[in-house]
Amino acid sequence: MPSLPITFACGLYDRMLPLYTGDVRPAGIDLNFIVLDDPRQIFDRMAGGLEFDCSEMSSSEFISRYTAEKNGGERCPFVALPVFASRVFRHSFIFVNRKRITSPRDLEGKRIGVPLYTMSAAIWIRGHLQREYGVDLSTIQWLQGATNTGGSHGAPTVLPMARPAPVEINRSGRSLSALMDAGEIDAIIGTDVPDAMKHNPDIVRLFPDYREVEKDFYRRTKIFPIMHLVAIRRDVHERYPFVATSLYDAFDAAKNLALEKMRFIGALRYMQPWLPADLDEIDDLFGGDPWPYGIESNRPTLEALVDNLYDQGVIPSRPTVDEIFIKPHAHAAR
């Protein structure tokens, strides 16, 4: 029987690279790996036009759609695998005017830029500010727009909030970075470093020692924030249920191969001069695997994400972590 052709859109991350090179092949699938290095483009094309059979997908956007369906809304067109294409500690992505803000609580009552209020990065950052530092998020006025260009952050297909939030759309024609440089907003959170940091010494990270802050956060909570999961079109999953298991196994094998190759330090695989020290830190902090797939090993992170989405009014109810994802190995092979 010929292999089933499946399109998969994703960034060419180290943990995905073996699928692109063919070093790992999903059983029964002829995988067409479509490399797109702008995640926003992937999300917009998948959510807006169902252009791919499978793709990297914003975790917050998927959970929003899943929860909306559970509460009587439109049927979610995807199912999710507990495979995490992107995860990033986010304490380093809070940029402030140091003349106005020197501590997290100073953000209260301020005007803060954000690329997309409902994006996963913003969900996590607000969760950190609220839970770790006691920031009253209800006092903040949000300005939504692209960080380093005028206009919007992509063309997202985003569901309405379950509860309204004080979010204004940036229609100035200037980037959030330019507005912060001019003193018209007090801070920016998100996924990009503001260009204004290159020339304005007053624009700094709220946590300059973010690596130590993030390590301490992980030691205490076991939370390594998940940004993107892997979504399969529901119609593909229903017609070919073996695809979930085949892809999950392949993603896991690809990630493990990437870890194995990273550990060969006779010649450094990445332009990371202190990679051996980083590997020692991975062993110490993460027990050797910083990027586990599956539900159980990610339960604290996933539960915190759901709690943040609910507390911030993005979703109307809290789904359980176990129900969000399909169980790949429950399906028979093709």
Protein backbone atom coordinates (compact mmCIF):
# COMPACT_ATOMS: atom_id res chain seq x y z
CA MET A 1 0.00 0.00 0.00
CA PRO A 2 1.46 3.40 -0.93
CA SER A 3 2.26 5.85 1.84
CA LEU A 4 -0.29 8.54 2.63
CA PRO A 5 0.84 12.03 1.54
CA ILE A 6 0.66 14.48 4.47
CA THR A 7 1.67 18.15 4.44
CA PHE A 8 3.29 19.50 7.59
CA ALA A 9 4.11 23.20 8.05
CA CYS A 10 6.60 24.13 10.73
CA GLY A 11 9.75 26.04 11.50
CA LEU A 12 12.94 24.11 10.78
CA TYR A 13 13.82 23.61 14.43
CA ASP A 14 16.55 21.20 15.52
CA ARG A 15 13.91 18.85 16.96
CA MET A 16 12.10 18.79 13.60
CA LEU A 17 15.12 18.70 11.30
CA PRO A 18 15.38 14.88 11.06
CA LEU A 19 11.87 14.83 9.59
CA TYR A 20 12.94 17.31 6.92
CA THR A 21 16.15 15.45 6.04
CA GLY A 22 14.43 12.08 6.00
CA ASP A 23 16.58 10.67 8.81
CA VAL A 24 13.26 9.97 10.54
CA ARG A 25 10.24 8.90 8.48
CA PRO A 26 6.73 8.48 9.92
CA ALA A 27 5.39 4.99 9.26
CA GLY A 28 2.89 4.85 6.41
CA ILE A 29 3.25 8.56 5.64
CA ASP A 30 4.94 10.43 2.82
CA LEU A 31 5.64 13.64 4.73
CA ASN A 32 5.86 16.90 2.78
CA PHE A 33 7.63 19.17 5.29
CA ILE A 34 6.83 22.78 4.37
CA VAL A 35 9.38 25.06 6.04
CA LEU A 36 7.97 28.38 7.21
CA ASP A 37 10.08 30.24 9.72
CA ASP A 38 7.37 32.74 10.65
CA PRO A 39 5.02 30.96 13.07
CA ARG A 40 2.37 33.67 12.73
CA GLN A 41 2.12 32.91 9.00
CA ILE A 42 1.63 29.22 9.75
CA PHE A 43 -1.11 29.89 12.32
CA ASP A 44 -2.91 32.35 10.07
CA ARG A 45 -2.85 30.04 7.07
CA MET A 46 -3.89 26.98 9.06
CA ALA A 47 -6.61 28.65 11.13
CA GLY A 48 -7.86 30.87 8.33
CA GLY A 49 -7.67 28.49 5.39
CA LEU A 50 -6.89 24.94 6.61
CA GLU A 51 -3.98 24.95 4.16
CA PHE A 52 -2.02 22.07 5.72
CA ASP A 53 -2.86 18.58 6.92
CA CYS A 54 -0.77 19.15 10.02
CA SER A 55 1.13 22.10 11.41
CA GLU A 56 2.77 23.88 14.26
CA MET A 57 -0.02 25.77 16.07
CA SER A 58 -0.33 28.34 18.83
CA SER A 59 -1.24 26.53 22.04
CA SER A 60 -3.46 29.38 23.24
CA GLU A 61 -5.32 29.57 19.92
CA PHE A 62 -5.92 25.82 19.84
CA ILE A 63 -7.16 25.66 23.43
CA SER A 64 -9.41 28.67 22.78
CA ARG A 65 -11.04 26.90 19.83
CA TYR A 66 -11.31 23.61 21.68
CA THR A 67 -12.95 25.27 24.69
CA ALA A 68 -15.30 27.35 22.55
CA GLU A 69 -16.63 24.15 20.96
CA LYS A 70 -17.16 22.60 24.37
CA ASN A 71 -19.24 25.62 25.32
CA GLY A 72 -21.54 25.40 22.32
CA GLY A 73 -19.41 27.26 19.79
CA GLU A 74 -18.23 26.31 16.34
CA ARG A 75 -16.60 22.92 15.91
CA CYS A 76 -12.83 23.07 16.27
CA PRO A 77 -11.31 22.08 12.90
CA PHE A 78 -8.20 20.54 14.48
CA VAL A 79 -7.09 17.97 17.01
CA ALA A 80 -3.88 18.39 18.97
CA LEU A 81 -0.90 16.13 19.58
CA PRO A 82 1.09 16.56 22.82
CA VAL A 83 4.13 17.49 20.73
CA PHE A 84 5.56 20.91 21.49
CA ALA A 85 7.21 22.59 18.56
CA SER A 86 8.15 25.69 20.56
CA ARG A 87 8.66 26.48 24.21
CA VAL A 88 10.34 29.58 25.60
CA PHE A 89 10.93 30.99 29.05
CA ARG A 90 9.37 34.44 28.87
CA HIS A 91 10.79 36.52 31.74
CA SER A 92 13.30 37.94 29.25
CA PHE A 93 10.56 39.35 27.00
CA ILE A 94 9.34 42.13 29.27
CA PHE A 95 10.83 45.44 28.14
CA VAL A 96 10.36 48.60 30.16
CA ASN A 97 11.32 52.25 30.37
CA ARG A 98 13.59 52.12 33.40
CA LYS A 99 12.80 55.72 34.31
CA ARG A 100 9.19 54.70 34.93
CA ILE A 101 9.37 51.02 35.85
CA THR A 102 11.92 49.31 38.11
CA SER A 103 9.84 46.44 39.52
CA PRO A 104 6.95 44.28 38.30
CA ARG A 105 4.37 46.09 40.45
CA ASP A 106 5.33 49.36 38.75
CA LEU A 107 3.54 48.02 35.64
CA GLU A 108 0.19 48.57 37.34
CA GLY A 109 -1.74 51.45 35.82
CA LYS A 110 0.60 51.64 32.83
CA ARG A 111 0.06 51.49 29.07
CA ILE A 112 1.78 48.39 27.69
CA GLY A 113 2.28 47.22 24.13
CA VAL A 114 1.62 43.63 23.07
CA PRO A 115 1.68 42.13 19.55
CA LEU A 116 -1.50 40.11 20.13
CA TYR A 117 -3.28 40.09 23.48
CA THR A 118 -4.27 36.41 23.17
CA MET A 119 -0.91 35.09 21.89
CA SER A 120 0.67 32.35 24.00
CA ALA A 121 3.71 34.45 24.92
CA ALA A 122 1.51 37.24 26.30
CA ILE A 123 -0.65 34.75 28.20
CA TRP A 124 2.45 33.36 29.89
CA ILE A 125 4.01 36.73 30.66
CA ARG A 126 0.83 38.09 32.23
CA GLY A 127 0.55 34.85 34.20
CA HIS A 128 4.09 35.30 35.54
CA LEU A 129 3.39 38.91 36.49
CA GLN A 130 0.16 38.03 38.25
CA ARG A 131 1.12 34.80 39.99
CA GLU A 132 4.79 35.38 40.75
CA TYR A 133 4.79 39.12 41.46
CA GLY A 134 1.24 40.03 42.44
CA VAL A 135 0.63 42.46 39.57
CA ASP A 136 -3.00 43.54 39.27
CA LEU A 137 -3.55 43.02 35.55
CA SER A 138 -6.94 44.76 35.62
CA THR A 139 -5.19 48.12 36.04
CA ILE A 140 -3.20 47.87 32.80
CA GLN A 141 -4.19 49.39 29.46
CA TRP A 142 -2.99 47.25 26.53
CA LEU A 143 -2.05 48.52 23.09
CA GLN A 144 -2.05 45.78 20.45
CA GLY A 145 0.14 45.89 17.34
CA ALA A 146 3.38 44.71 15.77
CA THR A 147 6.52 45.32 17.81
CA ASN A 148 8.93 46.61 15.16
CA THR A 149 6.67 47.56 12.25
CA GLY A 150 3.48 49.55 11.95
CA GLY A 151 0.18 47.72 11.75
CA SER A 152 -0.93 44.40 13.13
CA HIS A 153 0.97 41.28 14.14
CA GLY A 154 0.05 39.05 11.18
CA ALA A 155 -3.56 38.42 10.18
CA PRO A 156 -4.82 36.20 12.99
CA THR A 157 -8.19 34.48 13.09
CA VAL A 158 -8.82 34.90 16.79
CA LEU A 159 -11.99 34.01 18.67
CA PRO A 160 -13.71 36.64 20.83
CA MET A 161 -12.60 36.83 24.45
CA ALA A 162 -14.79 35.10 27.01
CA ARG A 163 -14.54 38.29 29.09
CA PRO A 164 -13.62 41.71 27.68
CA ALA A 165 -10.21 43.22 28.36
CA PRO A 166 -8.93 46.81 28.02
CA VAL A 167 -7.21 46.34 24.67
CA GLU A 168 -6.76 49.17 22.16
CA ILE A 169 -5.61 48.54 18.58
CA ASN A 170 -2.53 50.52 17.55
CA ARG A 171 -3.68 52.59 14.58
CA SER A 172 -0.89 55.17 14.79
CA GLY A 173 1.05 53.73 11.86
CA ARG A 174 4.09 53.49 14.12
CA SER A 175 5.50 50.36 15.72
CA LEU A 176 5.19 49.62 19.43
CA SER A 177 8.95 50.06 19.60
CA ALA A 178 8.71 53.58 18.16
CA LEU A 179 5.91 54.46 20.56
CA MET A 180 7.96 53.25 23.50
CA ASP A 181 10.99 55.17 22.24
CA ALA A 182 8.83 58.31 22.19
CA GLY A 183 7.53 57.67 25.70
CA GLU A 184 3.95 57.04 24.59
CA ILE A 185 3.84 53.55 26.12
CA ASP A 186 5.66 52.35 29.21
CA ALA A 187 6.52 48.75 28.36
CA ILE A 188 6.28 46.00 25.74
CA ILE A 189 5.73 42.28 26.22
CA GLY A 190 5.75 39.65 23.50
CA THR A 191 8.14 37.69 21.31
CA ASP A 192 10.51 40.25 19.79
CA VAL A 193 13.17 42.59 21.15
CA PRO A 194 12.16 46.21 20.42
CA ASP A 195 14.48 47.86 17.90
CA ALA A 196 14.62 50.93 20.14
CA MET A 197 16.78 49.00 22.61
CA LYS A 198 19.65 49.38 20.15
CA HIS A 199 19.85 53.14 20.69
CA ASN A 200 17.76 54.07 23.73
CA PRO A 201 19.59 53.20 26.99
CA ASP A 202 16.39 53.72 28.99
CA ILE A 203 14.66 50.75 27.32
CA VAL A 204 15.80 47.65 29.19
CA ARG A 205 14.64 44.21 30.25
CA LEU A 206 12.62 44.18 33.46
CA PHE A 207 14.69 41.16 34.51
CA PRO A 208 18.28 41.75 33.32
CA ASP A 209 19.38 38.54 35.07
CA TYR A 210 16.59 36.62 33.36
CA ARG A 211 18.51 33.36 32.97
CA GLU A 212 18.86 32.97 36.72
CA VAL A 213 15.27 34.14 37.26
CA GLU A 214 13.97 31.58 34.76
CA LYS A 215 16.07 28.76 36.20
CA ASP A 216 14.75 29.51 39.67
CA PHE A 217 11.21 29.63 38.30
CA TYR A 218 11.61 26.20 36.71
CA ARG A 219 13.16 24.66 39.83
CA ARG A 220 10.21 25.85 41.91
CA THR A 221 7.36 25.15 39.51
CA LYS A 222 8.58 22.61 36.90
CA ILE A 223 6.98 24.91 34.33
CA PHE A 224 8.78 25.37 30.99
CA PRO A 225 6.27 27.49 29.04
CA ILE A 226 4.80 25.84 25.96
CA MET A 227 4.16 28.16 23.02
CA HIS A 228 3.26 25.87 20.10
CA LEU A 229 1.81 22.39 19.87
CA VAL A 230 1.15 20.29 16.77
CA ALA A 231 -2.33 20.34 15.26
CA ILE A 232 -3.82 17.86 12.77
CA ARG A 233 -6.84 18.78 10.68
CA ARG A 234 -9.81 17.01 12.20
CA ASP A 235 -11.02 15.66 8.86
CA VAL A 236 -7.59 14.08 8.22
CA HIS A 237 -7.53 12.59 11.71
CA GLU A 238 -11.03 11.14 11.38
CA ARG A 239 -10.35 9.63 7.98
CA TYR A 240 -6.86 8.33 8.80
CA PRO A 241 -6.64 7.76 12.57
CA PHE A 242 -3.25 6.00 12.23
CA VAL A 243 -1.68 9.35 11.32
CA ALA A 244 -1.72 10.56 14.94
CA THR A 245 0.32 7.62 16.23
CA SER A 246 2.67 7.61 13.27
CA LEU A 247 3.39 11.31 13.55
CA TYR A 248 3.74 11.28 17.33
CA ASP A 249 6.28 8.47 17.17
CA ALA A 250 8.19 10.25 14.41
CA PHE A 251 8.22 13.59 16.23
CA ASP A 252 9.51 11.89 19.35
CA ALA A 253 12.21 10.01 17.44
CA ALA A 254 13.28 13.22 15.67
CA LYS A 255 13.57 15.11 18.94
CA ASN A 256 15.59 12.34 20.54
CA LEU A 257 17.92 12.22 17.52
CA ALA A 258 18.41 15.99 17.74
CA LEU A 259 19.34 15.67 21.41
CA GLU A 260 21.78 12.88 20.58
CA LYS A 261 23.47 14.94 17.86
CA MET A 262 23.63 18.01 20.09
CA ARG A 263 25.55 15.98 22.65
CA PHE A 264 28.37 15.22 20.24
CA ILE A 265 30.79 17.96 21.30
CA GLY A 266 33.93 16.84 19.47
CA ALA A 267 32.82 19.46 16.93
CA LEU A 268 30.07 21.81 18.11
CA ARG A 269 26.85 21.31 16.14
CA TYR A 270 25.60 24.82 16.95
CA MET A 271 27.31 28.23 17.05
CA GLN A 272 27.05 28.17 20.82
CA PRO A 273 30.55 28.56 22.31
CA TRP A 274 29.59 27.24 25.75
CA LEU A 275 27.42 24.39 24.54
CA PRO A 276 29.19 21.85 26.83
CA ALA A 277 28.28 23.99 29.84
CA ASP A 278 24.71 24.30 28.56
CA LEU A 279 24.49 20.52 28.23
CA ASP A 280 25.69 20.14 31.81
CA GLU A 281 22.96 22.57 32.86
CA ILE A 282 20.35 20.60 30.89
CA ASP A 283 21.39 17.45 32.75
CA ASP A 284 21.27 19.21 36.12
CA LEU A 285 18.03 21.13 35.65
CA PHE A 286 15.98 18.97 33.27
CA GLY A 287 17.34 15.50 33.91
CA GLY A 288 18.83 15.33 30.42
CA ASP A 289 15.74 16.08 28.31
CA PRO A 290 14.59 19.72 28.31
CA TRP A 291 11.89 19.09 25.71
CA PRO A 292 9.67 16.15 26.72
CA TYR A 293 6.57 15.31 24.72
CA GLY A 294 3.41 13.73 26.08
CA ILE A 295 0.99 14.92 28.74
CA GLU A 296 2.27 13.61 32.05
CA SER A 297 5.77 15.03 31.92
CA ASN A 298 4.27 18.42 30.97
CA ARG A 299 1.31 18.44 33.32
CA PRO A 300 2.44 21.38 35.54
CA THR A 301 3.11 23.51 32.44
CA LEU A 302 -0.15 22.60 30.69
CA GLU A 303 -2.26 23.13 33.81
CA ALA A 304 -0.68 26.55 34.35
CA LEU A 305 -1.41 27.47 30.72
CA VAL A 306 -5.08 26.53 31.07
CA ASP A 307 -5.33 28.42 34.36
CA ASN A 308 -3.79 31.53 32.79
CA LEU A 309 -6.15 31.40 29.80
CA TYR A 310 -9.15 31.13 32.09
CA ASP A 311 -8.01 33.71 34.63
CA GLN A 312 -7.28 36.23 31.86
CA GLY A 313 -10.73 35.82 30.31
CA VAL A 314 -9.57 34.19 27.10
CA ILE A 315 -11.60 30.99 27.60
CA PRO A 316 -14.99 30.58 29.33
CA SER A 317 -14.18 27.38 31.23
CA ARG A 318 -11.20 25.24 32.25
CA PRO A 319 -10.81 22.05 30.17
CA THR A 320 -8.75 19.30 31.74
CA VAL A 321 -5.28 18.82 30.34
CA ASP A 322 -6.05 15.20 29.46
CA GLU A 323 -9.05 16.04 27.28
CA ILE A 324 -7.26 18.70 25.22
CA PHE A 325 -5.02 16.22 23.39
CA ILE A 326 -5.80 13.11 21.41
CA LYS A 327 -4.19 9.90 22.64
CA PRO A 328 -2.10 8.79 19.66
CA HIS A 329 -1.43 5.23 20.77
CA ALA A 330 -5.12 4.49 21.21
CA HIS A 331 -5.39 4.15 17.42
CA ALA A 332 -4.52 1.09 15.47
CA ALA A 333 -1.81 1.21 12.83
CA ARG A 334 -2.85 1.69 9.25
